[in-house]
C-alpha atoms as a PDB file:
ATOM      1  CA  UNK A   1      -8.587 106.875 259.907  1.00  0.00           C
ATOM      2  CA  UNK A   2     -12.335 107.341 259.563  1.00  0.00           C
ATOM      3  CA  UNK A   3     -13.852 108.147 256.211  1.00  0.00           C
ATOM      4  CA  UNK A   4     -17.062 110.073 256.239  1.00  0.00           C
ATOM      5  CA  UNK A   5     -19.436 110.063 253.301  1.00  0.00           C
ATOM      6  CA  UNK A   6     -19.607 113.315 251.447  1.00  0.00           C
ATOM      7  CA  UNK A   7     -22.830 115.154 252.132  1.00  0.00           C
ATOM      8  CA  UNK A   8     -24.545 117.334 249.605  1.00  0.00           C
ATOM      9  CA  UNK A   9     -25.144 120.768 250.970  1.00  0.00           C
ATOM     10  CA  UNK A  10     -28.303 122.577 250.122  1.00  0.00           C
ATOM     11  CA  UNK A  11     -27.729 125.985 248.560  1.00  0.00           C
ATOM     12  CA  UNK A  12     -28.036 128.900 250.907  1.00  0.00           C
ATOM     13  CA  UNK A  13     -30.938 131.220 250.370  1.00  0.00           C
ATOM     14  CA  UNK A  14     -30.287 134.642 251.810  1.00  0.00           C
ATOM     15  CA  UNK A  15     -32.869 137.342 252.158  1.00  0.00           C
ATOM     16  CA  UNK A  16     -32.051 141.000 251.765  1.00  0.00           C
ATOM     17  CA  UNK A  17     -34.063 143.632 253.542  1.00  0.00           C
ATOM     18  CA  UNK A  18     -33.051 146.693 251.510  1.00  0.00           C
ATOM     19  CA  UNK A  19     -30.982 148.064 248.663  1.00  0.00           C
ATOM     20  CA  UNK A  20     -30.018 151.636 247.825  1.00  0.00           C
ATOM     21  CA  UNK A  21     -29.611 152.865 244.248  1.00  0.00           C
ATOM     22  CA  UNK A  22     -28.134 156.317 243.731  1.00  0.00           C
ATOM     23  CA  UNK A  23     -27.755 158.437 240.630  1.00  0.00           C
ATOM     24  CA  UNK A  24     -24.239 159.405 241.637  1.00  0.00           C
ATOM     25  CA  UNK A  25     -23.123 161.473 238.674  1.00  0.00           C
ATOM     26  CA  UNK A  26     -25.003 163.954 236.542  1.00  0.00           C
ATOM     27  CA  UNK A  27     -28.197 163.932 238.598  1.00  0.00           C
ATOM     28  CA  UNK A  28     -30.519 166.786 237.658  1.00  0.00           C
ATOM     29  CA  UNK A  29     -33.557 167.741 239.695  1.00  0.00           C
ATOM     30  CA  UNK A  30     -36.484 166.108 237.937  1.00  0.00           C
ATOM     31  CA  UNK A  31     -34.598 162.919 236.995  1.00  0.00           C
ATOM     32  CA  UNK A  32     -36.489 159.928 238.358  1.00  0.00           C
ATOM     33  CA  UNK A  33     -35.923 156.236 239.024  1.00  0.00           C
ATOM     34  CA  UNK A  34     -39.138 154.228 238.908  1.00  0.00           C
ATOM     35  CA  UNK A  35     -39.510 150.780 240.417  1.00  0.00           C
ATOM     36  CA  UNK A  36     -42.435 148.422 240.242  1.00  0.00           C
ATOM     37  CA  UNK A  37     -43.439 146.894 243.579  1.00  0.00           C
ATOM     38  CA  UNK A  38     -42.876 143.151 243.267  1.00  0.00           C
ATOM     39  CA  UNK A  39     -41.945 140.042 245.268  1.00  0.00           C
ATOM     40  CA  UNK A  40     -42.474 141.859 248.608  1.00  0.00           C
ATOM     41  CA  UNK A  41     -40.112 144.654 247.491  1.00  0.00           C
ATOM     42  CA  UNK A  42     -41.284 148.250 247.394  1.00  0.00           C
ATOM     43  CA  UNK A  43     -39.410 151.259 246.117  1.00  0.00           C
ATOM     44  CA  UNK A  44     -39.315 154.867 247.305  1.00  0.00           C
ATOM     45  CA  UNK A  45     -37.489 157.524 245.279  1.00  0.00           C
ATOM     46  CA  UNK A  46     -36.116 160.619 247.002  1.00  0.00           C
ATOM     47  CA  UNK A  47     -36.085 163.314 244.335  1.00  0.00           C
ATOM     48  CA  UNK A  48     -34.016 165.696 246.492  1.00  0.00           C
ATOM     49  CA  UNK A  49     -31.069 163.287 246.701  1.00  0.00           C
ATOM     50  CA  UNK A  50     -31.542 161.091 243.614  1.00  0.00           C
ATOM     51  CA  UNK A  51     -31.681 157.956 245.767  1.00  0.00           C
ATOM     52  CA  UNK A  52     -34.075 155.032 245.327  1.00  0.00           C
ATOM     53  CA  UNK A  53     -34.578 152.830 248.373  1.00  0.00           C
ATOM     54  CA  UNK A  54     -35.866 149.309 247.790  1.00  0.00           C
ATOM     55  CA  UNK A  55     -37.197 147.635 250.937  1.00  0.00           C
ATOM     56  CA  UNK A  56     -38.751 144.315 251.823  1.00  0.00           C
ATOM     57  CA  UNK A  57     -37.499 140.917 252.906  1.00  0.00           C
ATOM     58  CA  UNK A  58     -36.885 138.962 249.701  1.00  0.00           C
ATOM     59  CA  UNK A  59     -34.400 136.618 248.066  1.00  0.00           C
ATOM     60  CA  UNK A  60     -31.342 138.044 246.345  1.00  0.00           C
ATOM     61  CA  UNK A  61     -32.705 136.866 242.985  1.00  0.00           C
ATOM     62  CA  UNK A  62     -35.900 138.834 243.645  1.00  0.00           C
ATOM     63  CA  UNK A  63     -33.816 141.959 244.263  1.00  0.00           C
ATOM     64  CA  UNK A  64     -31.903 141.297 241.031  1.00  0.00           C
ATOM     65  CA  UNK A  65     -35.227 141.119 239.187  1.00  0.00           C
ATOM     66  CA  UNK A  66     -36.354 144.380 240.798  1.00  0.00           C
ATOM     67  CA  UNK A  67     -33.089 146.076 239.795  1.00  0.00           C
ATOM     68  CA  UNK A  68     -33.439 144.883 236.190  1.00  0.00           C
ATOM     69  CA  UNK A  69     -36.932 146.375 235.997  1.00  0.00           C
ATOM     70  CA  UNK A  70     -35.935 149.914 237.066  1.00  0.00           C
ATOM     71  CA  UNK A  71     -36.857 152.714 234.687  1.00  0.00           C
ATOM     72  CA  UNK A  72     -34.938 155.988 234.434  1.00  0.00           C
ATOM     73  CA  UNK A  73     -36.836 159.083 233.354  1.00  0.00           C
ATOM     74  CA  UNK A  74     -34.791 162.176 232.646  1.00  0.00           C
ATOM     75  CA  UNK A  75     -35.807 165.702 233.417  1.00  0.00           C
ATOM     76  CA  UNK A  76     -36.700 167.872 230.429  1.00  0.00           C
ATOM     77  CA  UNK A  77     -33.844 170.097 231.649  1.00  0.00           C
ATOM     78  CA  UNK A  78     -31.307 167.264 231.499  1.00  0.00           C
ATOM     79  CA  UNK A  79     -28.602 167.736 228.870  1.00  0.00           C
ATOM     80  CA  UNK A  80     -26.804 164.501 228.037  1.00  0.00           C
ATOM     81  CA  UNK A  81     -23.126 164.529 227.147  1.00  0.00           C
ATOM     82  CA  UNK A  82     -20.871 161.759 225.891  1.00  0.00           C
END
């Protein structure tokens, strides 16, 4: 029986190329998601559908940072309910 030394594996670093964020419930025309371009990631909000598309080849952690920095602005016509 051969015994092989245990090798340390380097962590995998995966790049994403896009992420889609959708206001899926209660979207009112005029609601907006704002993203700040950062770490090679740019955001484009489609006000007709309520979808924000983040694009750019970047690490998963960079996408997490971009998601944490999103800002939601509600329409003046938006009525919030509990």
